[in-house]
Amino acid sequence: MPAMTAEAITARLRELARLSAAGPSPMQRGVDMSAAAIAARLRELSDVSALCAKLEAIGAAARRRR
């Protein structure tokens, strides 16, 4: 699978957020809403945010080299 650009990743994350907002609530899906589960999810989101920041830095460096 070819590497995705930072813009493509951002667009995909926005689409997933839109689809998630349109779906049933977490309680209706039986999602674990305990403090431990929420903390784990926040750690995952932090990891994704850090990855996106790194990808943006790589993209910015590549754009400067053009």
PDB file of N, CA and C in Angstrom:
ATOM      1  N   MET A   1       0.848  -1.174   0.000  1.00  0.00           N
ATOM      2  CA  MET A   1       0.000   0.000   0.000  1.00  0.00           C
ATOM      3  C   MET A   1       0.900   1.246   0.000  1.00  0.00           C
ATOM      4  N   PRO A   2       0.648   2.186  -0.902  1.00  0.00           N
ATOM      5  CA  PRO A   2       1.494   3.386  -0.950  1.00  0.00           C
ATOM      6  C   PRO A   2       1.315   4.255   0.286  1.00  0.00           C
ATOM      7  N   ALA A   3       2.359   5.002   0.608  1.00  0.00           N
ATOM      8  CA  ALA A   3       2.304   5.906   1.767  1.00  0.00           C
ATOM      9  C   ALA A   3       1.275   7.003   1.512  1.00  0.00           C
ATOM     10  N   MET A   4       0.574   7.389   2.555  1.00  0.00           N
ATOM     11  CA  MET A   4      -0.424   8.456   2.446  1.00  0.00           C
ATOM     12  C   MET A   4       0.224   9.781   2.822  1.00  0.00           C
ATOM     13  N   THR A   5      -0.213  10.832   2.168  1.00  0.00           N
ATOM     14  CA  THR A   5       0.273  12.167   2.519  1.00  0.00           C
ATOM     15  C   THR A   5      -0.398  12.609   3.812  1.00  0.00           C
ATOM     16  N   ALA A   6       0.186  13.603   4.456  1.00  0.00           N
ATOM     17  CA  ALA A   6      -0.419  14.144   5.679  1.00  0.00           C
ATOM     18  C   ALA A   6      -1.817  14.663   5.383  1.00  0.00           C
ATOM     19  N   GLU A   7      -1.996  15.267   4.205  1.00  0.00           N
ATOM     20  CA  GLU A   7      -3.311  15.791   3.827  1.00  0.00           C
ATOM     21  C   GLU A   7      -4.325  14.661   3.674  1.00  0.00           C
ATOM     22  N   ALA A   8      -3.899  13.540   3.078  1.00  0.00           N
ATOM     23  CA  ALA A   8      -4.796  12.398   2.898  1.00  0.00           C
ATOM     24  C   ALA A   8      -5.175  11.792   4.245  1.00  0.00           C
ATOM     25  N   ILE A   9      -4.216  11.712   5.156  1.00  0.00           N
ATOM     26  CA  ILE A   9      -4.499  11.183   6.494  1.00  0.00           C
ATOM     27  C   ILE A   9      -5.484  12.091   7.214  1.00  0.00           C
ATOM     28  N   THR A  10      -5.264  13.399   7.130  1.00  0.00           N
ATOM     29  CA  THR A  10      -6.169  14.354   7.772  1.00  0.00           C
ATOM     30  C   THR A  10      -7.570  14.229   7.197  1.00  0.00           C
ATOM     31  N   ALA A  11      -7.677  14.124   5.881  1.00  0.00           N
ATOM     32  CA  ALA A  11      -8.988  13.983   5.239  1.00  0.00           C
ATOM     33  C   ALA A  11      -9.675  12.701   5.695  1.00  0.00           C
ATOM     34  N   ARG A  12      -8.914  11.619   5.796  1.00  0.00           N
ATOM     35  CA  ARG A  12      -9.490  10.336   6.231  1.00  0.00           C
ATOM     36  C   ARG A  12      -9.960  10.422   7.683  1.00  0.00           C
ATOM     37  N   LEU A  13      -9.162  11.039   8.547  1.00  0.00           N
ATOM     38  CA  LEU A  13      -9.559  11.187   9.948  1.00  0.00           C
ATOM     39  C   LEU A  13     -10.818  12.037  10.071  1.00  0.00           C
ATOM     40  N   ARG A  14     -10.919  13.096   9.262  1.00  0.00           N
ATOM     41  CA  ARG A  14     -12.133  13.925   9.283  1.00  0.00           C
ATOM     42  C   ARG A  14     -13.350  13.132   8.833  1.00  0.00           C
ATOM     43  N   GLU A  15     -13.185  12.311   7.792  1.00  0.00           N
ATOM     44  CA  GLU A  15     -14.292  11.484   7.304  1.00  0.00           C
ATOM     45  C   GLU A  15     -14.716  10.473   8.373  1.00  0.00           C
ATOM     46  N   LEU A  16     -13.754   9.859   9.031  1.00  0.00           N
ATOM     47  CA  LEU A  16     -14.082   8.909  10.098  1.00  0.00           C
ATOM     48  C   LEU A  16     -14.800   9.604  11.249  1.00  0.00           C
ATOM     49  N   ALA A  17     -14.380  10.817  11.587  1.00  0.00           N
ATOM     50  CA  ALA A  17     -15.049  11.573  12.649  1.00  0.00           C
ATOM     51  C   ALA A  17     -16.482  11.892  12.256  1.00  0.00           C
ATOM     52  N   ARG A  18     -16.682  12.260  10.979  1.00  0.00           N
ATOM     53  CA  ARG A  18     -18.035  12.563  10.503  1.00  0.00           C
ATOM     54  C   ARG A  18     -18.918  11.317  10.580  1.00  0.00           C
ATOM     55  N   LEU A  19     -18.389  10.193  10.138  1.00  0.00           N
ATOM     56  CA  LEU A  19     -19.158   8.949  10.180  1.00  0.00           C
ATOM     57  C   LEU A  19     -19.458   8.534  11.617  1.00  0.00           C
ATOM     58  N   SER A  20     -18.490   8.723  12.501  1.00  0.00           N
ATOM     59  CA  SER A  20     -18.685   8.379  13.905  1.00  0.00           C
ATOM     60  C   SER A  20     -19.775   9.237  14.530  1.00  0.00           C
ATOM     61  N   ALA A  21     -19.775  10.523  14.205  1.00  0.00           N
ATOM     62  CA  ALA A  21     -20.783  11.432  14.759  1.00  0.00           C
ATOM     63  C   ALA A  21     -22.177  11.079  14.261  1.00  0.00           C
ATOM     64  N   ALA A  22     -22.263  10.525  13.053  1.00  0.00           N
ATOM     65  CA  ALA A  22     -23.561  10.179  12.478  1.00  0.00           C
ATOM     66  C   ALA A  22     -24.082   8.843  13.006  1.00  0.00           C
ATOM     67  N   GLY A  23     -23.226   8.065  13.649  1.00  0.00           N
ATOM     68  CA  GLY A  23     -23.609   6.741  14.118  1.00  0.00           C
ATOM     69  C   GLY A  23     -24.271   6.768  15.479  1.00  0.00           C
ATOM     70  N   PRO A  24     -24.621   5.584  15.972  1.00  0.00           N
ATOM     71  CA  PRO A  24     -25.231   5.505  17.302  1.00  0.00           C
ATOM     72  C   PRO A  24     -24.256   5.948  18.385  1.00  0.00           C
ATOM     73  N   SER A  25     -24.788   6.373  19.511  1.00  0.00           N
ATOM     74  CA  SER A  25     -23.940   6.829  20.609  1.00  0.00           C
ATOM     75  C   SER A  25     -23.126   5.659  21.163  1.00  0.00           C
ATOM     76  N   PRO A  26     -22.015   5.937  21.851  1.00  0.00           N
ATOM     77  CA  PRO A  26     -21.211   4.856  22.427  1.00  0.00           C
ATOM     78  C   PRO A  26     -22.017   3.960  23.363  1.00  0.00           C
ATOM     79  N   MET A  27     -22.928   4.560  24.113  1.00  0.00           N
ATOM     80  CA  MET A  27     -23.724   3.764  25.049  1.00  0.00           C
ATOM     81  C   MET A  27     -24.621   2.787  24.294  1.00  0.00           C
ATOM     82  N   GLN A  28     -25.143   3.191  23.151  1.00  0.00           N
ATOM     83  CA  GLN A  28     -25.987   2.307  22.359  1.00  0.00           C
ATOM     84  C   GLN A  28     -25.183   1.153  21.774  1.00  0.00           C
ATOM     85  N   ARG A  29     -23.906   1.370  21.518  1.00  0.00           N
ATOM     86  CA  ARG A  29     -23.050   0.322  20.955  1.00  0.00           C
ATOM     87  C   ARG A  29     -22.447  -0.560  22.039  1.00  0.00           C
ATOM     88  N   GLY A  30     -22.681  -0.246  23.292  1.00  0.00           N
ATOM     89  CA  GLY A  30     -22.124  -1.034  24.376  1.00  0.00           C
ATOM     90  C   GLY A  30     -20.637  -0.799  24.579  1.00  0.00           C
ATOM     91  N   VAL A  31     -20.155   0.397  24.268  1.00  0.00           N
ATOM     92  CA  VAL A  31     -18.738   0.725  24.407  1.00  0.00           C
ATOM     93  C   VAL A  31     -18.401   0.914  25.882  1.00  0.00           C
ATOM     94  N   ASP A  32     -17.243   0.398  26.274  1.00  0.00           N
ATOM     95  CA  ASP A  32     -16.764   0.546  27.651  1.00  0.00           C
ATOM     96  C   ASP A  32     -16.447   2.016  27.908  1.00  0.00           C
ATOM     97  N   MET A  33     -17.179   2.638  28.821  1.00  0.00           N
ATOM     98  CA  MET A  33     -16.981   4.053  29.135  1.00  0.00           C
ATOM     99  C   MET A  33     -16.347   4.230  30.516  1.00  0.00           C
ATOM    100  N   SER A  34     -15.681   3.182  31.012  1.00  0.00           N
ATOM    101  CA  SER A  34     -15.028   3.283  32.320  1.00  0.00           C
ATOM    102  C   SER A  34     -13.860   4.262  32.240  1.00  0.00           C
ATOM    103  N   ALA A  35     -13.428   4.738  33.396  1.00  0.00           N
ATOM    104  CA  ALA A  35     -12.305   5.679  33.444  1.00  0.00           C
ATOM    105  C   ALA A  35     -11.052   5.070  32.817  1.00  0.00           C
ATOM    106  N   ALA A  36     -10.808   3.800  33.075  1.00  0.00           N
ATOM    107  CA  ALA A  36      -9.623   3.141  32.510  1.00  0.00           C
ATOM    108  C   ALA A  36      -9.707   3.068  30.988  1.00  0.00           C
ATOM    109  N   ALA A  37     -10.888   2.762  30.468  1.00  0.00           N
ATOM    110  CA  ALA A  37     -11.064   2.677  29.015  1.00  0.00           C
ATOM    111  C   ALA A  37     -10.910   4.049  28.368  1.00  0.00           C
ATOM    112  N   ILE A  38     -11.455   5.061  29.005  1.00  0.00           N
ATOM    113  CA  ILE A  38     -11.340   6.424  28.469  1.00  0.00           C
ATOM    114  C   ILE A  38      -9.884   6.880  28.500  1.00  0.00           C
ATOM    115  N   ALA A  39      -9.171   6.582  29.583  1.00  0.00           N
ATOM    116  CA  ALA A  39      -7.753   6.947  29.676  1.00  0.00           C
ATOM    117  C   ALA A  39      -6.948   6.248  28.581  1.00  0.00           C
ATOM    118  N   ALA A  40      -7.259   4.984  28.326  1.00  0.00           N
ATOM    119  CA  ALA A  40      -6.558   4.246  27.272  1.00  0.00           C
ATOM    120  C   ALA A  40      -6.833   4.871  25.908  1.00  0.00           C
ATOM    121  N   ARG A  41      -8.075   5.241  25.678  1.00  0.00           N
ATOM    122  CA  ARG A  41      -8.432   5.868  24.392  1.00  0.00           C
ATOM    123  C   ARG A  41      -7.731   7.220  24.233  1.00  0.00           C
ATOM    124  N   LEU A  42      -7.651   7.991  25.307  1.00  0.00           N
ATOM    125  CA  LEU A  42      -6.951   9.279  25.246  1.00  0.00           C
ATOM    126  C   LEU A  42      -5.467   9.089  24.940  1.00  0.00           C
ATOM    127  N   ARG A  43      -4.864   8.029  25.501  1.00  0.00           N
ATOM    128  CA  ARG A  43      -3.460   7.734  25.187  1.00  0.00           C
ATOM    129  C   ARG A  43      -3.314   7.392  23.705  1.00  0.00           C
ATOM    130  N   GLU A  44      -4.259   6.608  23.172  1.00  0.00           N
ATOM    131  CA  GLU A  44      -4.230   6.269  21.745  1.00  0.00           C
ATOM    132  C   GLU A  44      -4.336   7.531  20.895  1.00  0.00           C
ATOM    133  N   LEU A  45      -5.253   8.421  21.263  1.00  0.00           N
ATOM    134  CA  LEU A  45      -5.429   9.658  20.507  1.00  0.00           C
ATOM    135  C   LEU A  45      -4.191  10.534  20.587  1.00  0.00           C
ATOM    136  N   SER A  46      -3.542  10.544  21.741  1.00  0.00           N
ATOM    137  CA  SER A  46      -2.305  11.300  21.898  1.00  0.00           C
ATOM    138  C   SER A  46      -1.231  10.742  20.975  1.00  0.00           C
ATOM    139  N   ASP A  47      -1.160   9.413  20.886  1.00  0.00           N
ATOM    140  CA  ASP A  47      -0.196   8.774  19.988  1.00  0.00           C
ATOM    141  C   ASP A  47      -0.480   9.149  18.539  1.00  0.00           C
ATOM    142  N   VAL A  48      -1.760   9.149  18.154  1.00  0.00           N
ATOM    143  CA  VAL A  48      -2.142   9.518  16.788  1.00  0.00           C
ATOM    144  C   VAL A  48      -1.799  10.981  16.525  1.00  0.00           C
ATOM    145  N   SER A  49      -2.067  11.844  17.500  1.00  0.00           N
ATOM    146  CA  SER A  49      -1.745  13.265  17.340  1.00  0.00           C
ATOM    147  C   SER A  49      -0.246  13.468  17.158  1.00  0.00           C
ATOM    148  N   ALA A  50       0.545  12.743  17.933  1.00  0.00           N
ATOM    149  CA  ALA A  50       2.001  12.846  17.808  1.00  0.00           C
ATOM    150  C   ALA A  50       2.448  12.360  16.434  1.00  0.00           C
ATOM    151  N   LEU A  51       1.854  11.274  15.958  1.00  0.00           N
ATOM    152  CA  LEU A  51       2.183  10.760  14.633  1.00  0.00           C
ATOM    153  C   LEU A  51       1.822  11.780  13.556  1.00  0.00           C
ATOM    154  N   CYS A  52       0.647  12.389  13.666  1.00  0.00           N
ATOM    155  CA  CYS A  52       0.231  13.402  12.692  1.00  0.00           C
ATOM    156  C   CYS A  52       1.190  14.590  12.696  1.00  0.00           C
ATOM    157  N   ALA A  53       1.636  15.001  13.868  1.00  0.00           N
ATOM    158  CA  ALA A  53       2.588  16.114  13.956  1.00  0.00           C
ATOM    159  C   ALA A  53       3.905  15.745  13.278  1.00  0.00           C
ATOM    160  N   LYS A  54       4.367  14.514  13.491  1.00  0.00           N
ATOM    161  CA  LYS A  54       5.602  14.067  12.844  1.00  0.00           C
ATOM    162  C   LYS A  54       5.430  14.025  11.330  1.00  0.00           C
ATOM    163  N   LEU A  55       4.277  13.516  10.880  1.00  0.00           N
ATOM    164  CA  LEU A  55       4.016  13.462   9.442  1.00  0.00           C
ATOM    165  C   LEU A  55       3.959  14.858   8.838  1.00  0.00           C
ATOM    166  N   GLU A  56       3.357  15.790   9.549  1.00  0.00           N
ATOM    167  CA  GLU A  56       3.293  17.170   9.067  1.00  0.00           C
ATOM    168  C   GLU A  56       4.695  17.761   8.963  1.00  0.00           C
ATOM    169  N   ALA A  57       5.548  17.482   9.943  1.00  0.00           N
ATOM    170  CA  ALA A  57       6.928  17.978   9.905  1.00  0.00           C
ATOM    171  C   ALA A  57       7.680  17.384   8.716  1.00  0.00           C
ATOM    172  N   ILE A  58       7.469  16.104   8.460  1.00  0.00           N
ATOM    173  CA  ILE A  58       8.107  15.457   7.309  1.00  0.00           C
ATOM    174  C   ILE A  58       7.602  16.090   6.017  1.00  0.00           C
ATOM    175  N   GLY A  59       6.290  16.307   5.936  1.00  0.00           N
ATOM    176  CA  GLY A  59       5.708  16.932   4.747  1.00  0.00           C
ATOM    177  C   GLY A  59       6.220  18.344   4.535  1.00  0.00           C
ATOM    178  N   ALA A  60       6.334  19.106   5.613  1.00  0.00           N
ATOM    179  CA  ALA A  60       6.835  20.481   5.511  1.00  0.00           C
ATOM    180  C   ALA A  60       8.278  20.485   5.019  1.00  0.00           C
ATOM    181  N   ALA A  61       9.088  19.571   5.538  1.00  0.00           N
ATOM    182  CA  ALA A  61      10.485  19.484   5.101  1.00  0.00           C
ATOM    183  C   ALA A  61      10.558  19.104   3.620  1.00  0.00           C
ATOM    184  N   ALA A  62       9.702  18.187   3.195  1.00  0.00           N
ATOM    185  CA  ALA A  62       9.685  17.774   1.789  1.00  0.00           C
ATOM    186  C   ALA A  62       9.251  18.927   0.891  1.00  0.00           C
ATOM    187  N   ARG A  63       8.274  19.706   1.339  1.00  0.00           N
ATOM    188  CA  ARG A  63       7.813  20.850   0.542  1.00  0.00           C
ATOM    189  C   ARG A  63       8.906  21.911   0.425  1.00  0.00           C
ATOM    190  N   ARG A  64       9.684  22.098   1.483  1.00  0.00           N
ATOM    191  CA  ARG A  64      10.776  23.085   1.442  1.00  0.00           C
ATOM    192  C   ARG A  64      11.876  22.662   0.464  1.00  0.00           C
ATOM    193  N   ARG A  65      12.071  21.361   0.304  1.00  0.00           N
ATOM    194  CA  ARG A  65      13.121  20.861  -0.594  1.00  0.00           C
ATOM    195  C   ARG A  65      12.727  20.979  -2.063  1.00  0.00           C
ATOM    196  N   ARG A  66      11.463  21.183  -2.350  1.00  0.00           N
ATOM    197  CA  ARG A  66      11.008  21.245  -3.750  1.00  0.00           C
ATOM    198  C   ARG A  66      11.479  22.470  -4.423  1.00  0.00           C
TER     199      ARG A  66
END
